[in-house]
Amino acid sequence: MTTVNRTFDVRPEPAVVLDYLKDFSNAEEWDPGTESCTRTDSGPVGVGSTWHNTSKIAGVTTELDYTLEKLTADTIVLVGRNDRATSTDTITVVPSPDGPGSRVTYEANIEMKGAAKLADPVMKVVFEKIGSDTEDDMTTVLNRLA
């Protein structure tokens, strides 16, 4: 399993950040690998909401179906699945300890299945780079909400 973890501060208050990030369609704006992310159900976004995500990582296009599995006052958990991998994205948003705004912790756990497990050591390097890019992009996008 590959795990990537980033913690950073942004200007908007936690409620604004959580409201934006719970709609995974917005990943097109903050996730550098996401090419498209389309909601596949309807109604208000909440636990059970689903999206189809197409990403390009290290030149390889992959598609995962994501479900919002947890949504609380400070945590979002999105789980994406296909036949080769499961990606669990946990985003925690709390008030910034350094003043106004929010502290965001983004953790992605990617578990490869079957023969794809052989790529785990290489994928760790790739996902660390993506994690840094995601932190940069997410910070920029979230600060626009302030």
N, C-alpha and C. Protein backbone atom coordinates (compact mmCIF):
# COMPACT_ATOMS: atom_id res chain seq x y z
N MET A 1 0.85 -1.18 0.00
CA MET A 1 0.00 0.00 0.00
C MET A 1 0.89 1.24 0.00
N THR A 2 0.46 2.24 -0.73
CA THR A 2 1.17 3.52 -0.79
C THR A 2 0.33 4.56 -0.05
N THR A 3 0.98 5.31 0.83
CA THR A 3 0.30 6.36 1.57
C THR A 3 1.03 7.68 1.35
N VAL A 4 0.25 8.71 1.05
CA VAL A 4 0.78 10.06 0.89
C VAL A 4 -0.01 10.95 1.84
N ASN A 5 0.71 11.78 2.60
CA ASN A 5 0.07 12.62 3.61
C ASN A 5 0.63 14.03 3.53
N ARG A 6 -0.25 15.03 3.52
CA ARG A 6 0.15 16.43 3.49
C ARG A 6 -0.73 17.22 4.46
N THR A 7 -0.13 18.17 5.18
CA THR A 7 -0.87 19.08 6.06
C THR A 7 -0.45 20.50 5.73
N PHE A 8 -1.45 21.39 5.57
CA PHE A 8 -1.17 22.76 5.18
C PHE A 8 -2.32 23.66 5.64
N ASP A 9 -2.05 24.95 5.70
CA ASP A 9 -3.04 25.94 6.13
C ASP A 9 -3.56 26.74 4.95
N VAL A 10 -4.85 27.09 5.03
CA VAL A 10 -5.50 27.93 4.01
C VAL A 10 -6.33 29.01 4.71
N ARG A 11 -6.70 30.04 3.98
CA ARG A 11 -7.41 31.20 4.55
C ARG A 11 -8.88 30.96 4.89
N PRO A 12 -9.65 30.20 4.09
CA PRO A 12 -11.08 30.07 4.41
C PRO A 12 -11.31 29.28 5.71
N GLU A 13 -12.45 29.54 6.31
CA GLU A 13 -12.85 28.82 7.52
C GLU A 13 -13.19 27.36 7.17
N PRO A 14 -13.12 26.46 8.17
CA PRO A 14 -13.35 25.04 7.90
C PRO A 14 -14.67 24.71 7.20
N ALA A 15 -15.76 25.36 7.56
CA ALA A 15 -17.06 25.04 6.93
C ALA A 15 -17.02 25.30 5.43
N VAL A 16 -16.35 26.38 5.01
CA VAL A 16 -16.24 26.71 3.58
C VAL A 16 -15.40 25.66 2.86
N VAL A 17 -14.29 25.27 3.48
CA VAL A 17 -13.39 24.27 2.88
C VAL A 17 -14.10 22.93 2.74
N LEU A 18 -14.76 22.49 3.80
CA LEU A 18 -15.46 21.20 3.76
C LEU A 18 -16.58 21.19 2.73
N ASP A 19 -17.33 22.29 2.65
CA ASP A 19 -18.43 22.36 1.69
C ASP A 19 -17.91 22.22 0.26
N TYR A 20 -16.77 22.83 -0.02
CA TYR A 20 -16.17 22.74 -1.36
C TYR A 20 -15.61 21.35 -1.63
N LEU A 21 -14.84 20.81 -0.69
CA LEU A 21 -14.15 19.54 -0.94
C LEU A 21 -15.06 18.32 -0.93
N LYS A 22 -16.21 18.40 -0.25
CA LYS A 22 -17.10 17.24 -0.21
C LYS A 22 -17.67 16.92 -1.59
N ASP A 23 -17.72 17.92 -2.48
CA ASP A 23 -18.17 17.67 -3.85
C ASP A 23 -16.94 17.28 -4.67
N PHE A 24 -16.75 15.98 -4.85
CA PHE A 24 -15.53 15.47 -5.49
C PHE A 24 -15.42 15.89 -6.95
N SER A 25 -16.50 16.41 -7.55
CA SER A 25 -16.41 16.96 -8.91
C SER A 25 -15.36 18.06 -8.96
N ASN A 26 -15.15 18.75 -7.83
CA ASN A 26 -14.18 19.83 -7.77
C ASN A 26 -12.73 19.33 -7.86
N ALA A 27 -12.52 18.03 -7.80
CA ALA A 27 -11.15 17.48 -7.93
C ALA A 27 -10.52 17.89 -9.26
N GLU A 28 -11.35 18.18 -10.25
CA GLU A 28 -10.81 18.65 -11.54
C GLU A 28 -9.99 19.93 -11.36
N GLU A 29 -10.30 20.71 -10.32
CA GLU A 29 -9.60 21.98 -10.08
C GLU A 29 -8.36 21.81 -9.21
N TRP A 30 -8.37 20.84 -8.28
CA TRP A 30 -7.26 20.77 -7.32
C TRP A 30 -6.41 19.50 -7.40
N ASP A 31 -6.85 18.48 -8.12
CA ASP A 31 -6.06 17.25 -8.23
C ASP A 31 -5.38 17.24 -9.60
N PRO A 32 -4.04 17.37 -9.63
CA PRO A 32 -3.35 17.49 -10.91
C PRO A 32 -3.49 16.27 -11.82
N GLY A 33 -3.79 15.10 -11.28
CA GLY A 33 -3.96 13.91 -12.11
C GLY A 33 -5.35 13.77 -12.70
N THR A 34 -6.33 14.44 -12.11
CA THR A 34 -7.72 14.27 -12.55
C THR A 34 -7.96 14.97 -13.87
N GLU A 35 -8.43 14.20 -14.84
CA GLU A 35 -8.83 14.76 -16.13
C GLU A 35 -10.32 15.07 -16.15
N SER A 36 -11.13 14.22 -15.49
CA SER A 36 -12.56 14.49 -15.36
C SER A 36 -13.07 13.78 -14.10
N CYS A 37 -14.08 14.38 -13.50
CA CYS A 37 -14.70 13.79 -12.32
C CYS A 37 -16.16 14.18 -12.35
N THR A 38 -17.02 13.22 -12.68
CA THR A 38 -18.42 13.48 -12.95
C THR A 38 -19.30 12.80 -11.91
N ARG A 39 -20.20 13.56 -11.34
CA ARG A 39 -21.13 12.99 -10.36
C ARG A 39 -22.05 12.01 -11.09
N THR A 40 -22.28 10.84 -10.47
CA THR A 40 -23.08 9.80 -11.11
C THR A 40 -24.41 9.55 -10.40
N ASP A 41 -24.71 10.37 -9.38
CA ASP A 41 -26.02 10.29 -8.75
C ASP A 41 -26.57 11.72 -8.70
N SER A 42 -27.65 11.93 -7.97
CA SER A 42 -28.24 13.27 -7.92
C SER A 42 -28.65 13.58 -6.49
N GLY A 43 -29.11 14.82 -6.30
CA GLY A 43 -29.52 15.26 -4.97
C GLY A 43 -28.37 15.94 -4.26
N PRO A 44 -28.62 16.33 -3.01
CA PRO A 44 -27.57 16.98 -2.23
C PRO A 44 -26.37 16.04 -2.03
N VAL A 45 -25.16 16.61 -2.00
CA VAL A 45 -23.97 15.80 -1.76
C VAL A 45 -23.98 15.36 -0.29
N GLY A 46 -23.82 14.06 -0.08
CA GLY A 46 -23.79 13.50 1.26
C GLY A 46 -23.24 12.09 1.22
N VAL A 47 -23.19 11.44 2.36
CA VAL A 47 -22.70 10.07 2.42
C VAL A 47 -23.50 9.24 1.41
N GLY A 48 -22.77 8.50 0.58
CA GLY A 48 -23.39 7.69 -0.46
C GLY A 48 -23.32 8.33 -1.84
N SER A 49 -23.01 9.62 -1.92
CA SER A 49 -22.86 10.28 -3.24
C SER A 49 -21.72 9.62 -4.00
N THR A 50 -21.85 9.60 -5.35
CA THR A 50 -20.88 8.87 -6.17
C THR A 50 -20.39 9.72 -7.35
N TRP A 51 -19.16 9.43 -7.78
CA TRP A 51 -18.52 10.11 -8.90
C TRP A 51 -17.73 9.10 -9.72
N HIS A 52 -17.58 9.39 -11.02
CA HIS A 52 -16.69 8.61 -11.90
C HIS A 52 -15.50 9.52 -12.20
N ASN A 53 -14.30 9.07 -11.82
CA ASN A 53 -13.09 9.86 -11.95
C ASN A 53 -12.16 9.23 -12.98
N THR A 54 -11.68 10.05 -13.90
CA THR A 54 -10.67 9.62 -14.87
C THR A 54 -9.42 10.43 -14.59
N SER A 55 -8.32 9.73 -14.33
CA SER A 55 -7.05 10.38 -14.03
C SER A 55 -5.97 9.85 -14.94
N LYS A 56 -4.95 10.67 -15.13
CA LYS A 56 -3.76 10.24 -15.86
C LYS A 56 -2.58 10.38 -14.90
N ILE A 57 -1.96 9.25 -14.59
CA ILE A 57 -0.85 9.22 -13.63
C ILE A 57 0.32 8.53 -14.31
N ALA A 58 1.43 9.23 -14.37
CA ALA A 58 2.65 8.71 -15.01
C ALA A 58 2.34 8.22 -16.42
N GLY A 59 1.49 8.96 -17.14
CA GLY A 59 1.18 8.64 -18.52
C GLY A 59 0.13 7.56 -18.71
N VAL A 60 -0.39 7.01 -17.60
CA VAL A 60 -1.37 5.94 -17.68
C VAL A 60 -2.73 6.47 -17.23
N THR A 61 -3.75 6.27 -18.07
CA THR A 61 -5.10 6.69 -17.72
C THR A 61 -5.77 5.59 -16.90
N THR A 62 -6.40 6.02 -15.81
CA THR A 62 -7.12 5.07 -14.97
C THR A 62 -8.46 5.67 -14.58
N GLU A 63 -9.44 4.82 -14.39
CA GLU A 63 -10.78 5.24 -14.02
C GLU A 63 -11.18 4.56 -12.73
N LEU A 64 -11.69 5.35 -11.80
CA LEU A 64 -12.18 4.81 -10.53
C LEU A 64 -13.57 5.36 -10.26
N ASP A 65 -14.39 4.57 -9.62
CA ASP A 65 -15.70 5.01 -9.16
C ASP A 65 -15.59 5.30 -7.68
N TYR A 66 -15.85 6.57 -7.32
CA TYR A 66 -15.69 7.04 -5.95
C TYR A 66 -17.04 7.14 -5.25
N THR A 67 -17.02 6.87 -3.94
CA THR A 67 -18.17 7.04 -3.08
C THR A 67 -17.76 7.87 -1.87
N LEU A 68 -18.60 8.84 -1.50
CA LEU A 68 -18.39 9.59 -0.27
C LEU A 68 -18.85 8.68 0.87
N GLU A 69 -17.89 8.16 1.62
CA GLU A 69 -18.20 7.16 2.64
C GLU A 69 -18.33 7.75 4.04
N LYS A 70 -17.76 8.95 4.26
CA LYS A 70 -17.88 9.58 5.57
C LYS A 70 -17.87 11.08 5.38
N LEU A 71 -18.76 11.77 6.09
CA LEU A 71 -18.82 13.22 6.07
C LEU A 71 -19.24 13.68 7.46
N THR A 72 -18.30 14.33 8.18
CA THR A 72 -18.59 14.86 9.51
C THR A 72 -18.25 16.34 9.50
N ALA A 73 -18.32 16.96 10.66
CA ALA A 73 -18.03 18.39 10.78
C ALA A 73 -16.57 18.71 10.48
N ASP A 74 -15.69 17.69 10.46
CA ASP A 74 -14.28 17.97 10.16
C ASP A 74 -13.60 16.94 9.26
N THR A 75 -14.33 15.95 8.75
CA THR A 75 -13.69 14.88 7.99
C THR A 75 -14.53 14.46 6.78
N ILE A 76 -13.81 14.24 5.67
CA ILE A 76 -14.40 13.70 4.44
C ILE A 76 -13.59 12.45 4.10
N VAL A 77 -14.28 11.35 3.81
CA VAL A 77 -13.60 10.14 3.33
C VAL A 77 -14.25 9.73 2.02
N LEU A 78 -13.44 9.71 0.97
CA LEU A 78 -13.86 9.29 -0.37
C LEU A 78 -13.08 8.03 -0.72
N VAL A 79 -13.79 7.02 -1.22
CA VAL A 79 -13.14 5.76 -1.60
C VAL A 79 -13.42 5.49 -3.07
N GLY A 80 -12.31 5.34 -3.84
CA GLY A 80 -12.41 5.04 -5.26
C GLY A 80 -11.97 3.61 -5.51
N ARG A 81 -12.70 2.93 -6.40
CA ARG A 81 -12.41 1.53 -6.67
C ARG A 81 -12.45 1.22 -8.16
N ASN A 82 -11.56 0.34 -8.56
CA ASN A 82 -11.66 -0.35 -9.84
C ASN A 82 -11.09 -1.75 -9.63
N ASP A 83 -10.91 -2.52 -10.69
CA ASP A 83 -10.45 -3.90 -10.51
C ASP A 83 -8.96 -4.00 -10.18
N ARG A 84 -8.20 -2.90 -10.27
CA ARG A 84 -6.76 -2.94 -10.01
C ARG A 84 -6.33 -2.20 -8.74
N ALA A 85 -7.24 -1.36 -8.19
CA ALA A 85 -6.82 -0.55 -7.04
C ALA A 85 -8.01 -0.04 -6.24
N THR A 86 -7.72 0.30 -4.98
CA THR A 86 -8.65 1.02 -4.13
C THR A 86 -7.91 2.23 -3.58
N SER A 87 -8.49 3.40 -3.75
CA SER A 87 -7.89 4.64 -3.26
C SER A 87 -8.82 5.23 -2.20
N THR A 88 -8.27 5.42 -1.00
CA THR A 88 -9.04 6.03 0.08
C THR A 88 -8.44 7.38 0.39
N ASP A 89 -9.22 8.43 0.16
CA ASP A 89 -8.78 9.80 0.39
C ASP A 89 -9.49 10.31 1.64
N THR A 90 -8.71 10.66 2.66
CA THR A 90 -9.26 11.19 3.90
C THR A 90 -8.79 12.64 4.03
N ILE A 91 -9.75 13.55 4.15
CA ILE A 91 -9.45 14.96 4.27
C ILE A 91 -10.02 15.44 5.59
N THR A 92 -9.14 15.96 6.44
CA THR A 92 -9.56 16.50 7.73
C THR A 92 -9.32 18.00 7.71
N VAL A 93 -10.32 18.77 8.16
CA VAL A 93 -10.24 20.22 8.15
C VAL A 93 -10.62 20.73 9.54
N VAL A 94 -9.68 21.41 10.17
CA VAL A 94 -9.91 21.97 11.51
C VAL A 94 -9.49 23.44 11.50
N PRO A 95 -9.92 24.21 12.51
CA PRO A 95 -9.46 25.59 12.58
C PRO A 95 -7.94 25.64 12.66
N SER A 96 -7.35 26.61 11.98
CA SER A 96 -5.90 26.76 12.02
C SER A 96 -5.46 27.16 13.42
N PRO A 97 -4.43 26.49 13.96
CA PRO A 97 -3.95 26.87 15.29
C PRO A 97 -3.17 28.19 15.27
N ASP A 98 -2.85 28.69 14.08
CA ASP A 98 -2.03 29.89 13.93
C ASP A 98 -2.83 31.14 13.61
N GLY A 99 -4.16 31.09 13.80
CA GLY A 99 -4.98 32.26 13.50
C GLY A 99 -6.20 31.87 12.70
N PRO A 100 -6.78 32.82 11.98
CA PRO A 100 -7.99 32.50 11.21
C PRO A 100 -7.65 31.53 10.06
N GLY A 101 -8.68 30.86 9.58
CA GLY A 101 -8.48 29.93 8.48
C GLY A 101 -8.57 28.50 8.94
N SER A 102 -8.03 27.61 8.11
CA SER A 102 -8.16 26.17 8.34
C SER A 102 -6.83 25.46 8.18
N ARG A 103 -6.68 24.38 8.91
CA ARG A 103 -5.57 23.46 8.70
C ARG A 103 -6.17 22.22 8.02
N VAL A 104 -5.64 21.89 6.85
CA VAL A 104 -6.13 20.76 6.05
C VAL A 104 -5.10 19.64 6.09
N THR A 105 -5.56 18.45 6.41
CA THR A 105 -4.71 17.26 6.31
C THR A 105 -5.33 16.36 5.25
N TYR A 106 -4.54 16.08 4.22
CA TYR A 106 -4.99 15.25 3.10
C TYR A 106 -4.15 13.98 3.10
N GLU A 107 -4.83 12.84 3.20
CA GLU A 107 -4.13 11.56 3.18
C GLU A 107 -4.75 10.67 2.11
N ALA A 108 -3.90 10.17 1.23
CA ALA A 108 -4.34 9.23 0.19
C ALA A 108 -3.67 7.89 0.44
N ASN A 109 -4.47 6.86 0.55
CA ASN A 109 -3.98 5.48 0.67
C ASN A 109 -4.37 4.74 -0.60
N ILE A 110 -3.38 4.26 -1.32
CA ILE A 110 -3.63 3.56 -2.58
C ILE A 110 -3.19 2.12 -2.41
N GLU A 111 -4.14 1.21 -2.55
CA GLU A 111 -3.85 -0.21 -2.42
C GLU A 111 -4.03 -0.86 -3.78
N MET A 112 -2.93 -1.33 -4.33
CA MET A 112 -2.95 -2.01 -5.62
C MET A 112 -3.41 -3.46 -5.42
N LYS A 113 -4.06 -4.02 -6.43
CA LYS A 113 -4.57 -5.39 -6.36
C LYS A 113 -3.89 -6.26 -7.41
N GLY A 114 -3.81 -7.55 -7.14
CA GLY A 114 -3.29 -8.51 -8.11
C GLY A 114 -1.90 -8.17 -8.58
N ALA A 115 -1.66 -8.32 -9.88
CA ALA A 115 -0.35 -8.09 -10.48
C ALA A 115 0.08 -6.63 -10.33
N ALA A 116 -0.87 -5.73 -10.19
CA ALA A 116 -0.55 -4.31 -10.04
C ALA A 116 0.24 -4.03 -8.76
N LYS A 117 0.17 -4.96 -7.78
CA LYS A 117 0.93 -4.80 -6.54
C LYS A 117 2.43 -4.70 -6.80
N LEU A 118 2.88 -5.29 -7.87
CA LEU A 118 4.30 -5.25 -8.20
C LEU A 118 4.80 -3.83 -8.44
N ALA A 119 3.89 -2.93 -8.78
CA ALA A 119 4.27 -1.55 -9.07
C ALA A 119 4.33 -0.68 -7.81
N ASP A 120 3.99 -1.22 -6.64
CA ASP A 120 3.93 -0.41 -5.41
C ASP A 120 5.18 0.43 -5.15
N PRO A 121 6.40 -0.12 -5.23
CA PRO A 121 7.58 0.72 -4.94
C PRO A 121 7.73 1.90 -5.90
N VAL A 122 7.44 1.69 -7.16
CA VAL A 122 7.52 2.77 -8.15
C VAL A 122 6.41 3.78 -7.91
N MET A 123 5.22 3.29 -7.60
CA MET A 123 4.08 4.17 -7.40
C MET A 123 4.27 5.08 -6.19
N LYS A 124 4.99 4.62 -5.18
CA LYS A 124 5.25 5.45 -4.00
C LYS A 124 5.96 6.74 -4.43
N VAL A 125 6.96 6.64 -5.29
CA VAL A 125 7.69 7.82 -5.77
C VAL A 125 6.77 8.72 -6.59
N VAL A 126 5.99 8.11 -7.47
CA VAL A 126 5.07 8.87 -8.32
C VAL A 126 4.04 9.60 -7.46
N PHE A 127 3.46 8.90 -6.48
CA PHE A 127 2.41 9.51 -5.67
C PHE A 127 2.95 10.57 -4.71
N GLU A 128 4.20 10.47 -4.28
CA GLU A 128 4.79 11.53 -3.46
C GLU A 128 4.85 12.84 -4.26
N LYS A 129 5.24 12.75 -5.52
CA LYS A 129 5.27 13.94 -6.39
C LYS A 129 3.86 14.49 -6.60
N ILE A 130 2.92 13.60 -6.85
CA ILE A 130 1.53 14.02 -7.03
C ILE A 130 1.01 14.66 -5.74
N GLY A 131 1.40 14.12 -4.59
CA GLY A 131 0.98 14.68 -3.30
C GLY A 131 1.43 16.12 -3.14
N SER A 132 2.66 16.40 -3.52
CA SER A 132 3.18 17.77 -3.43
C SER A 132 2.44 18.69 -4.40
N ASP A 133 2.19 18.21 -5.61
CA ASP A 133 1.45 19.01 -6.59
C ASP A 133 0.01 19.25 -6.12
N THR A 134 -0.60 18.22 -5.52
CA THR A 134 -1.97 18.35 -5.02
C THR A 134 -2.02 19.39 -3.91
N GLU A 135 -1.05 19.35 -3.00
CA GLU A 135 -1.00 20.35 -1.93
C GLU A 135 -0.93 21.76 -2.51
N ASP A 136 -0.07 21.96 -3.48
CA ASP A 136 0.06 23.29 -4.10
C ASP A 136 -1.23 23.73 -4.76
N ASP A 137 -1.82 22.83 -5.57
CA ASP A 137 -3.05 23.18 -6.29
C ASP A 137 -4.22 23.39 -5.34
N MET A 138 -4.36 22.50 -4.34
CA MET A 138 -5.46 22.61 -3.41
C MET A 138 -5.35 23.90 -2.60
N THR A 139 -4.14 24.27 -2.18
CA THR A 139 -3.94 25.51 -1.44
C THR A 139 -4.37 26.71 -2.28
N THR A 140 -3.95 26.76 -3.53
CA THR A 140 -4.32 27.87 -4.42
C THR A 140 -5.82 27.96 -4.60
N VAL A 141 -6.45 26.83 -4.90
CA VAL A 141 -7.90 26.82 -5.16
C VAL A 141 -8.68 27.18 -3.90
N LEU A 142 -8.31 26.60 -2.75
CA LEU A 142 -9.05 26.89 -1.52
C LEU A 142 -8.88 28.35 -1.10
N ASN A 143 -7.69 28.91 -1.27
CA ASN A 143 -7.50 30.31 -0.89
C ASN A 143 -8.32 31.26 -1.74
N ARG A 144 -8.73 30.83 -2.94
CA ARG A 144 -9.61 31.66 -3.77
C ARG A 144 -11.01 31.75 -3.17
N LEU A 145 -11.36 30.81 -2.30
CA LEU A 145 -12.70 30.79 -1.69
C LEU A 145 -12.82 31.79 -0.55
N ALA A 146 -11.69 32.30 -0.06
CA ALA A 146 -11.70 33.21 1.10
C ALA A 146 -12.28 34.55 0.76
